[in-house]
Amino acid sequence: KWRALDIRITDAANEAKDNVKYLYSLEKYYDP
């Protein structure tokens, strides 16, 4: 059960990191 939770937490952290990286790349386009 612990390993399953650890995998879910790691995946969610990776998703957030990936999404922040890509959304930051949009910043220069949506600032105007």
PDB file of all heavy atoms in Angstrom:
ATOM      1  N   LYS A   1       0.832  -1.200   0.000  1.00  0.00           N
ATOM      2  CA  LYS A   1       0.000   0.000   0.000  1.00  0.00           C
ATOM      3  C   LYS A   1       0.872   1.258   0.000  1.00  0.00           C
ATOM      4  O   LYS A   1       0.595   2.232  -0.703  1.00  0.00           O
ATOM      5  CB  LYS A   1      -0.902  -0.017   1.234  1.00  0.00           C
ATOM      6  CG  LYS A   1      -2.037   0.941   1.199  1.00  0.00           C
ATOM      7  CD  LYS A   1      -2.904   0.742   2.444  1.00  0.00           C
ATOM      8  CE  LYS A   1      -4.311   1.163   2.167  1.00  0.00           C
ATOM      9  NZ  LYS A   1      -5.202   0.968   3.293  1.00  0.00           N
ATOM     10  N   TRP A   2       1.943   1.222   0.779  1.00  0.00           N
ATOM     11  CA  TRP A   2       2.868   2.344   0.858  1.00  0.00           C
ATOM     12  C   TRP A   2       3.489   2.630  -0.507  1.00  0.00           C
ATOM     13  O   TRP A   2       3.573   3.772  -0.941  1.00  0.00           O
ATOM     14  CB  TRP A   2       3.964   2.063   1.886  1.00  0.00           C
ATOM     15  CG  TRP A   2       4.995   3.132   1.881  1.00  0.00           C
ATOM     16  CD1 TRP A   2       6.198   3.118   1.251  1.00  0.00           C
ATOM     17  CD2 TRP A   2       4.902   4.415   2.505  1.00  0.00           C
ATOM     18  NE1 TRP A   2       6.851   4.308   1.435  1.00  0.00           N
ATOM     19  CE2 TRP A   2       6.073   5.115   2.212  1.00  0.00           C
ATOM     20  CE3 TRP A   2       3.926   5.021   3.286  1.00  0.00           C
ATOM     21  CZ2 TRP A   2       6.312   6.400   2.668  1.00  0.00           C
ATOM     22  CZ3 TRP A   2       4.171   6.300   3.750  1.00  0.00           C
ATOM     23  CH2 TRP A   2       5.347   6.970   3.438  1.00  0.00           C
ATOM     24  N   ARG A   3       3.941   1.581  -1.169  1.00  0.00           N
ATOM     25  CA  ARG A   3       4.565   1.763  -2.490  1.00  0.00           C
ATOM     26  C   ARG A   3       3.582   2.356  -3.492  1.00  0.00           C
ATOM     27  O   ARG A   3       3.943   3.208  -4.310  1.00  0.00           O
ATOM     28  CB  ARG A   3       5.125   0.435  -2.990  1.00  0.00           C
ATOM     29  CG  ARG A   3       6.391   0.056  -2.264  1.00  0.00           C
ATOM     30  CD  ARG A   3       7.097  -1.130  -2.910  1.00  0.00           C
ATOM     31  NE  ARG A   3       8.238  -1.510  -2.103  1.00  0.00           N
ATOM     32  CZ  ARG A   3       8.315  -2.615  -1.372  1.00  0.00           C
ATOM     33  NH1 ARG A   3       7.312  -3.462  -1.365  1.00  0.00           N
ATOM     34  NH2 ARG A   3       9.387  -2.878  -0.664  1.00  0.00           N
ATOM     35  N   ALA A   4       2.322   1.910  -3.436  1.00  0.00           N
ATOM     36  CA  ALA A   4       1.306   2.446  -4.341  1.00  0.00           C
ATOM     37  C   ALA A   4       1.092   3.938  -4.078  1.00  0.00           C
ATOM     38  O   ALA A   4       0.998   4.734  -5.019  1.00  0.00           O
ATOM     39  CB  ALA A   4      -0.003   1.677  -4.179  1.00  0.00           C
ATOM     40  N   LEU A   5       1.033   4.314  -2.806  1.00  0.00           N
ATOM     41  CA  LEU A   5       0.888   5.729  -2.460  1.00  0.00           C
ATOM     42  C   LEU A   5       2.110   6.534  -2.895  1.00  0.00           C
ATOM     43  O   LEU A   5       1.979   7.643  -3.412  1.00  0.00           O
ATOM     44  CB  LEU A   5       0.664   5.904  -0.958  1.00  0.00           C
ATOM     45  CG  LEU A   5      -0.727   5.587  -0.439  1.00  0.00           C
ATOM     46  CD1 LEU A   5      -0.748   5.629   1.088  1.00  0.00           C
ATOM     47  CD2 LEU A   5      -1.745   6.557  -1.003  1.00  0.00           C
ATOM     48  N   ASP A   6       3.281   5.980  -2.679  1.00  0.00           N
ATOM     49  CA  ASP A   6       4.524   6.648  -3.065  1.00  0.00           C
ATOM     50  C   ASP A   6       4.555   6.895  -4.570  1.00  0.00           C
ATOM     51  O   ASP A   6       4.940   7.978  -5.028  1.00  0.00           O
ATOM     52  CB  ASP A   6       5.719   5.817  -2.614  1.00  0.00           C
ATOM     53  CG  ASP A   6       7.038   6.526  -2.813  1.00  0.00           C
ATOM     54  OD1 ASP A   6       7.101   7.755  -2.568  1.00  0.00           O
ATOM     55  OD2 ASP A   6       8.023   5.870  -3.215  1.00  0.00           O
ATOM     56  N   ILE A   7       4.120   5.926  -5.338  1.00  0.00           N
ATOM     57  CA  ILE A   7       4.085   6.065  -6.797  1.00  0.00           C
ATOM     58  C   ILE A   7       3.094   7.155  -7.199  1.00  0.00           C
ATOM     59  O   ILE A   7       3.387   7.988  -8.063  1.00  0.00           O
ATOM     60  CB  ILE A   7       3.736   4.712  -7.469  1.00  0.00           C
ATOM     61  CG1 ILE A   7       4.924   3.757  -7.348  1.00  0.00           C
ATOM     62  CG2 ILE A   7       3.333   4.901  -8.929  1.00  0.00           C
ATOM     63  CD1 ILE A   7       4.610   2.320  -7.723  1.00  0.00           C
ATOM     64  N   ARG A   8       1.927   7.189  -6.566  1.00  0.00           N
ATOM     65  CA  ARG A   8       0.925   8.213  -6.881  1.00  0.00           C
ATOM     66  C   ARG A   8       1.436   9.609  -6.528  1.00  0.00           C
ATOM     67  O   ARG A   8       1.235  10.559  -7.287  1.00  0.00           O
ATOM     68  CB  ARG A   8      -0.376   7.928  -6.141  1.00  0.00           C
ATOM     69  CG  ARG A   8      -1.173   6.787  -6.746  1.00  0.00           C
ATOM     70  CD  ARG A   8      -2.471   6.527  -6.013  1.00  0.00           C
ATOM     71  NE  ARG A   8      -3.327   7.704  -6.006  1.00  0.00           N
ATOM     72  CZ  ARG A   8      -4.274   7.913  -5.094  1.00  0.00           C
ATOM     73  NH1 ARG A   8      -4.494   7.056  -4.140  1.00  0.00           N
ATOM     74  NH2 ARG A   8      -5.016   9.003  -5.159  1.00  0.00           N
ATOM     75  N   ILE A   9       2.092   9.734  -5.382  1.00  0.00           N
ATOM     76  CA  ILE A   9       2.632  11.034  -4.966  1.00  0.00           C
ATOM     77  C   ILE A   9       3.720  11.488  -5.929  1.00  0.00           C
ATOM     78  O   ILE A   9       3.746  12.642  -6.359  1.00  0.00           O
ATOM     79  CB  ILE A   9       3.152  10.973  -3.518  1.00  0.00           C
ATOM     80  CG1 ILE A   9       1.980  10.826  -2.543  1.00  0.00           C
ATOM     81  CG2 ILE A   9       3.987  12.198  -3.179  1.00  0.00           C
ATOM     82  CD1 ILE A   9       2.383  10.475  -1.128  1.00  0.00           C
ATOM     83  N   THR A  10       4.604  10.578  -6.286  1.00  0.00           N
ATOM     84  CA  THR A  10       5.697  10.905  -7.215  1.00  0.00           C
ATOM     85  C   THR A  10       5.132  11.316  -8.573  1.00  0.00           C
ATOM     86  O   THR A  10       5.590  12.296  -9.173  1.00  0.00           O
ATOM     87  CB  THR A  10       6.652   9.716  -7.368  1.00  0.00           C
ATOM     88  OG1 THR A  10       7.173   9.381  -6.075  1.00  0.00           O
ATOM     89  CG2 THR A  10       7.799  10.032  -8.314  1.00  0.00           C
ATOM     90  N   ASP A  11       4.131  10.609  -9.044  1.00  0.00           N
ATOM     91  CA  ASP A  11       3.529  10.933 -10.335  1.00  0.00           C
ATOM     92  C   ASP A  11       2.845  12.305 -10.294  1.00  0.00           C
ATOM     93  O   ASP A  11       2.986  13.099 -11.221  1.00  0.00           O
ATOM     94  CB  ASP A  11       2.531   9.847 -10.739  1.00  0.00           C
ATOM     95  CG  ASP A  11       2.099   9.993 -12.188  1.00  0.00           C
ATOM     96  OD1 ASP A  11       2.985  10.132 -13.065  1.00  0.00           O
ATOM     97  OD2 ASP A  11       0.881   9.977 -12.452  1.00  0.00           O
ATOM     98  N   ALA A  12       2.129  12.581  -9.208  1.00  0.00           N
ATOM     99  CA  ALA A  12       1.464  13.882  -9.074  1.00  0.00           C
ATOM    100  C   ALA A  12       2.490  15.012  -8.991  1.00  0.00           C
ATOM    101  O   ALA A  12       2.292  16.083  -9.574  1.00  0.00           O
ATOM    102  CB  ALA A  12       0.557  13.889  -7.842  1.00  0.00           C
ATOM    103  N   ALA A  13       3.593  14.772  -8.297  1.00  0.00           N
ATOM    104  CA  ALA A  13       4.654  15.785  -8.211  1.00  0.00           C
ATOM    105  C   ALA A  13       5.275  16.022  -9.583  1.00  0.00           C
ATOM    106  O   ALA A  13       5.527  17.172  -9.969  1.00  0.00           O
ATOM    107  CB  ALA A  13       5.718  15.346  -7.209  1.00  0.00           C
ATOM    108  N   ASN A  14       5.507  14.950 -10.321  1.00  0.00           N
ATOM    109  CA  ASN A  14       6.068  15.083 -11.670  1.00  0.00           C
ATOM    110  C   ASN A  14       5.102  15.810 -12.605  1.00  0.00           C
ATOM    111  O   ASN A  14       5.523  16.627 -13.427  1.00  0.00           O
ATOM    112  CB  ASN A  14       6.428  13.712 -12.245  1.00  0.00           C
ATOM    113  CG  ASN A  14       7.639  13.110 -11.586  1.00  0.00           C
ATOM    114  OD1 ASN A  14       8.468  13.807 -11.008  1.00  0.00           O
ATOM    115  ND2 ASN A  14       7.739  11.797 -11.638  1.00  0.00           N
ATOM    116  N   GLU A  15       3.805  15.527 -12.459  1.00  0.00           N
ATOM    117  CA  GLU A  15       2.809  16.219 -13.274  1.00  0.00           C
ATOM    118  C   GLU A  15       2.821  17.723 -12.985  1.00  0.00           C
ATOM    119  O   GLU A  15       2.829  18.535 -13.908  1.00  0.00           O
ATOM    120  CB  GLU A  15       1.413  15.661 -13.001  1.00  0.00           C
ATOM    121  CG  GLU A  15       0.329  16.393 -13.763  1.00  0.00           C
ATOM    122  CD  GLU A  15      -1.074  15.908 -13.435  1.00  0.00           C
ATOM    123  OE1 GLU A  15      -1.278  15.284 -12.376  1.00  0.00           O
ATOM    124  OE2 GLU A  15      -1.978  16.178 -14.249  1.00  0.00           O
ATOM    125  N   ALA A  16       2.835  18.074 -11.718  1.00  0.00           N
ATOM    126  CA  ALA A  16       2.833  19.497 -11.350  1.00  0.00           C
ATOM    127  C   ALA A  16       4.098  20.182 -11.867  1.00  0.00           C
ATOM    128  O   ALA A  16       4.032  21.284 -12.414  1.00  0.00           O
ATOM    129  CB  ALA A  16       2.720  19.647  -9.834  1.00  0.00           C
ATOM    130  N   LYS A  17       5.237  19.527 -11.723  1.00  0.00           N
ATOM    131  CA  LYS A  17       6.503  20.103 -12.189  1.00  0.00           C
ATOM    132  C   LYS A  17       6.483  20.311 -13.704  1.00  0.00           C
ATOM    133  O   LYS A  17       6.866  21.372 -14.206  1.00  0.00           O
ATOM    134  CB  LYS A  17       7.651  19.179 -11.793  1.00  0.00           C
ATOM    135  CG  LYS A  17       9.015  19.676 -12.184  1.00  0.00           C
ATOM    136  CD  LYS A  17      10.091  18.702 -11.747  1.00  0.00           C
ATOM    137  CE  LYS A  17      11.466  19.178 -12.164  1.00  0.00           C
ATOM    138  NZ  LYS A  17      12.506  18.188 -11.834  1.00  0.00           N
ATOM    139  N   ASP A  18       6.018  19.306 -14.418  1.00  0.00           N
ATOM    140  CA  ASP A  18       5.947  19.374 -15.878  1.00  0.00           C
ATOM    141  C   ASP A  18       4.985  20.480 -16.324  1.00  0.00           C
ATOM    142  O   ASP A  18       5.306  21.278 -17.206  1.00  0.00           O
ATOM    143  CB  ASP A  18       5.478  18.006 -16.401  1.00  0.00           C
ATOM    144  CG  ASP A  18       5.727  17.819 -17.881  1.00  0.00           C
ATOM    145  OD1 ASP A  18       6.883  17.982 -18.310  1.00  0.00           O
ATOM    146  OD2 ASP A  18       4.760  17.500 -18.610  1.00  0.00           O
ATOM    147  N   ASN A  19       3.824  20.544 -15.687  1.00  0.00           N
ATOM    148  CA  ASN A  19       2.833  21.542 -16.070  1.00  0.00           C
ATOM    149  C   ASN A  19       3.310  22.960 -15.776  1.00  0.00           C
ATOM    150  O   ASN A  19       3.087  23.871 -16.577  1.00  0.00           O
ATOM    151  CB  ASN A  19       1.499  21.265 -15.382  1.00  0.00           C
ATOM    152  CG  ASN A  19       0.826  20.030 -15.936  1.00  0.00           C
ATOM    153  OD1 ASN A  19       1.236  19.481 -16.954  1.00  0.00           O
ATOM    154  ND2 ASN A  19      -0.204  19.566 -15.269  1.00  0.00           N
ATOM    155  N   VAL A  20       3.969  23.153 -14.649  1.00  0.00           N
ATOM    156  CA  VAL A  20       4.506  24.482 -14.330  1.00  0.00           C
ATOM    157  C   VAL A  20       5.542  24.893 -15.373  1.00  0.00           C
ATOM    158  O   VAL A  20       5.533  26.026 -15.858  1.00  0.00           O
ATOM    159  CB  VAL A  20       5.102  24.515 -12.899  1.00  0.00           C
ATOM    160  CG1 VAL A  20       5.951  25.758 -12.688  1.00  0.00           C
ATOM    161  CG2 VAL A  20       3.987  24.461 -11.862  1.00  0.00           C
ATOM    162  N   LYS A  21       6.395  23.961 -15.745  1.00  0.00           N
ATOM    163  CA  LYS A  21       7.425  24.262 -16.748  1.00  0.00           C
ATOM    164  C   LYS A  21       6.790  24.722 -18.063  1.00  0.00           C
ATOM    165  O   LYS A  21       7.179  25.754 -18.627  1.00  0.00           O
ATOM    166  CB  LYS A  21       8.290  23.016 -16.987  1.00  0.00           C
ATOM    167  CG  LYS A  21       9.326  23.177 -18.077  1.00  0.00           C
ATOM    168  CD  LYS A  21      10.176  21.940 -18.247  1.00  0.00           C
ATOM    169  CE  LYS A  21       9.415  20.870 -18.972  1.00  0.00           C
ATOM    170  NZ  LYS A  21      10.236  19.716 -19.338  1.00  0.00           N
ATOM    171  N   TYR A  22       5.787  24.007 -18.531  1.00  0.00           N
ATOM    172  CA  TYR A  22       5.165  24.362 -19.805  1.00  0.00           C
ATOM    173  C   TYR A  22       4.319  25.628 -19.699  1.00  0.00           C
ATOM    174  O   TYR A  22       4.289  26.430 -20.632  1.00  0.00           O
ATOM    175  CB  TYR A  22       4.346  23.192 -20.356  1.00  0.00           C
ATOM    176  CG  TYR A  22       5.239  22.106 -20.892  1.00  0.00           C
ATOM    177  CD1 TYR A  22       5.315  20.877 -20.278  1.00  0.00           C
ATOM    178  CD2 TYR A  22       6.035  22.331 -22.011  1.00  0.00           C
ATOM    179  CE1 TYR A  22       6.154  19.887 -20.765  1.00  0.00           C
ATOM    180  CE2 TYR A  22       6.874  21.354 -22.508  1.00  0.00           C
ATOM    181  CZ  TYR A  22       6.930  20.128 -21.883  1.00  0.00           C
ATOM    182  OH  TYR A  22       7.766  19.159 -22.361  1.00  0.00           O
ATOM    183  N   LEU A  23       3.639  25.804 -18.578  1.00  0.00           N
ATOM    184  CA  LEU A  23       2.831  27.013 -18.428  1.00  0.00           C
ATOM    185  C   LEU A  23       3.695  28.266 -18.309  1.00  0.00           C
ATOM    186  O   LEU A  23       3.304  29.331 -18.766  1.00  0.00           O
ATOM    187  CB  LEU A  23       1.880  26.876 -17.237  1.00  0.00           C
ATOM    188  CG  LEU A  23       0.748  25.875 -17.461  1.00  0.00           C
ATOM    189  CD1 LEU A  23       0.006  25.616 -16.164  1.00  0.00           C
ATOM    190  CD2 LEU A  23      -0.200  26.359 -18.540  1.00  0.00           C
ATOM    191  N   TYR A  24       4.883  28.129 -17.709  1.00  0.00           N
ATOM    192  CA  TYR A  24       5.809  29.270 -17.680  1.00  0.00           C
ATOM    193  C   TYR A  24       6.225  29.656 -19.098  1.00  0.00           C
ATOM    194  O   TYR A  24       6.430  30.829 -19.394  1.00  0.00           O
ATOM    195  CB  TYR A  24       7.053  28.960 -16.847  1.00  0.00           C
ATOM    196  CG  TYR A  24       6.979  29.460 -15.435  1.00  0.00           C
ATOM    197  CD1 TYR A  24       7.206  28.611 -14.367  1.00  0.00           C
ATOM    198  CD2 TYR A  24       6.700  30.797 -15.144  1.00  0.00           C
ATOM    199  CE1 TYR A  24       7.140  29.064 -13.057  1.00  0.00           C
ATOM    200  CE2 TYR A  24       6.633  31.259 -13.852  1.00  0.00           C
ATOM    201  CZ  TYR A  24       6.860  30.387 -12.810  1.00  0.00           C
ATOM    202  OH  TYR A  24       6.780  30.848 -11.515  1.00  0.00           O
ATOM    203  N   SER A  25       6.333  28.672 -19.983  1.00  0.00           N
ATOM    204  CA  SER A  25       6.722  28.988 -21.361  1.00  0.00           C
ATOM    205  C   SER A  25       5.632  29.783 -22.089  1.00  0.00           C
ATOM    206  O   SER A  25       5.918  30.463 -23.069  1.00  0.00           O
ATOM    207  CB  SER A  25       7.050  27.707 -22.133  1.00  0.00           C
ATOM    208  OG  SER A  25       5.879  26.976 -22.439  1.00  0.00           O
ATOM    209  N   LEU A  26       4.408  29.721 -21.608  1.00  0.00           N
ATOM    210  CA  LEU A  26       3.311  30.485 -22.203  1.00  0.00           C
ATOM    211  C   LEU A  26       3.269  31.936 -21.747  1.00  0.00           C
ATOM    212  O   LEU A  26       2.619  32.770 -22.374  1.00  0.00           O
ATOM    213  CB  LEU A  26       1.961  29.866 -21.809  1.00  0.00           C
ATOM    214  CG  LEU A  26       1.494  28.628 -22.516  1.00  0.00           C
ATOM    215  CD1 LEU A  26       0.137  28.213 -21.973  1.00  0.00           C
ATOM    216  CD2 LEU A  26       1.415  28.838 -24.003  1.00  0.00           C
ATOM    217  N   GLU A  27       3.943  32.215 -20.637  1.00  0.00           N
ATOM    218  CA  GLU A  27       3.828  33.522 -19.986  1.00  0.00           C
ATOM    219  C   GLU A  27       4.076  34.688 -20.939  1.00  0.00           C
ATOM    220  O   GLU A  27       3.334  35.663 -20.955  1.00  0.00           O
ATOM    221  CB  GLU A  27       4.774  33.581 -18.795  1.00  0.00           C
ATOM    222  CG  GLU A  27       4.400  34.569 -17.755  1.00  0.00           C
ATOM    223  CD  GLU A  27       5.206  34.394 -16.483  1.00  0.00           C
ATOM    224  OE1 GLU A  27       6.364  33.920 -16.543  1.00  0.00           O
ATOM    225  OE2 GLU A  27       4.672  34.748 -15.433  1.00  0.00           O
ATOM    226  N   LYS A  28       5.103  34.576 -21.758  1.00  0.00           N
ATOM    227  CA  LYS A  28       5.423  35.694 -22.657  1.00  0.00           C
ATOM    228  C   LYS A  28       4.337  35.927 -23.703  1.00  0.00           C
ATOM    229  O   LYS A  28       4.195  37.015 -24.232  1.00  0.00           O
ATOM    230  CB  LYS A  28       6.774  35.474 -23.329  1.00  0.00           C
ATOM    231  CG  LYS A  28       6.843  34.290 -24.261  1.00  0.00           C
ATOM    232  CD  LYS A  28       8.228  34.123 -24.833  1.00  0.00           C
ATOM    233  CE  LYS A  28       8.318  32.845 -25.639  1.00  0.00           C
ATOM    234  NZ  LYS A  28       9.677  32.519 -25.969  1.00  0.00           N
ATOM    235  N   TYR A  29       3.545  34.878 -23.958  1.00  0.00           N
ATOM    236  CA  TYR A  29       2.463  35.017 -24.934  1.00  0.00           C
ATOM    237  C   TYR A  29       1.187  35.554 -24.305  1.00  0.00           C
ATOM    238  O   TYR A  29       0.433  36.274 -24.946  1.00  0.00           O
ATOM    239  CB  TYR A  29       2.171  33.675 -25.615  1.00  0.00           C
ATOM    240  CG  TYR A  29       3.344  33.141 -26.395  1.00  0.00           C
ATOM    241  CD1 TYR A  29       4.086  32.072 -25.915  1.00  0.00           C
ATOM    242  CD2 TYR A  29       3.720  33.722 -27.599  1.00  0.00           C
ATOM    243  CE1 TYR A  29       5.171  31.578 -26.631  1.00  0.00           C
ATOM    244  CE2 TYR A  29       4.803  33.242 -28.317  1.00  0.00           C
ATOM    245  CZ  TYR A  29       5.523  32.167 -27.826  1.00  0.00           C
ATOM    246  OH  TYR A  29       6.590  31.695 -28.522  1.00  0.00           O
ATOM    247  N   TYR A  30       0.910  35.169 -23.046  1.00  0.00           N
ATOM    248  CA  TYR A  30      -0.354  35.629 -22.466  1.00  0.00           C
ATOM    249  C   TYR A  30      -0.241  36.929 -21.686  1.00  0.00           C
ATOM    250  O   TYR A  30      -1.256  37.546 -21.371  1.00  0.00           O
ATOM    251  CB  TYR A  30      -1.053  34.544 -21.643  1.00  0.00           C
ATOM    252  CG  TYR A  30      -0.400  34.089 -20.366  1.00  0.00           C
ATOM    253  CD1 TYR A  30      -0.255  34.934 -19.271  1.00  0.00           C
ATOM    254  CD2 TYR A  30       0.034  32.787 -20.223  1.00  0.00           C
ATOM    255  CE1 TYR A  30       0.316  34.501 -18.094  1.00  0.00           C
ATOM    256  CE2 TYR A  30       0.607  32.349 -19.049  1.00  0.00           C
ATOM    257  CZ  TYR A  30       0.739  33.197 -17.984  1.00  0.00           C
ATOM    258  OH  TYR A  30       1.308  32.763 -16.821  1.00  0.00           O
ATOM    259  N   ASP A  31       0.963  37.401 -21.397  1.00  0.00           N
ATOM    260  CA  ASP A  31       1.104  38.694 -20.725  1.00  0.00           C
ATOM    261  C   ASP A  31       0.424  39.831 -21.496  1.00  0.00           C
ATOM    262  O   ASP A  31      -0.245  40.671 -20.884  1.00  0.00           O
ATOM    263  CB  ASP A  31       2.569  39.020 -20.451  1.00  0.00           C
ATOM    264  CG  ASP A  31       3.059  38.420 -19.143  1.00  0.00           C
ATOM    265  OD1 ASP A  31       2.206  37.988 -18.326  1.00  0.00           O
ATOM    266  OD2 ASP A  31       4.281  38.386 -18.929  1.00  0.00           O
ATOM    267  N   PRO A  32       0.552  39.893 -22.830  1.00  0.00           N
ATOM    268  CA  PRO A  32      -0.143  40.966 -23.563  1.00  0.00           C
ATOM    269  C   PRO A  32      -1.670  40.910 -23.409  1.00  0.00           C
ATOM    270  O   PRO A  32      -2.343  41.928 -23.537  1.00  0.00           O
ATOM    271  CB  PRO A  32       0.249  40.724 -25.029  1.00  0.00           C
ATOM    272  CG  PRO A  32       1.535  39.975 -24.964  1.00  0.00           C
ATOM    273  CD  PRO A  32       1.451  39.143 -23.720  1.00  0.00           C
TER     274      PRO A  32
END
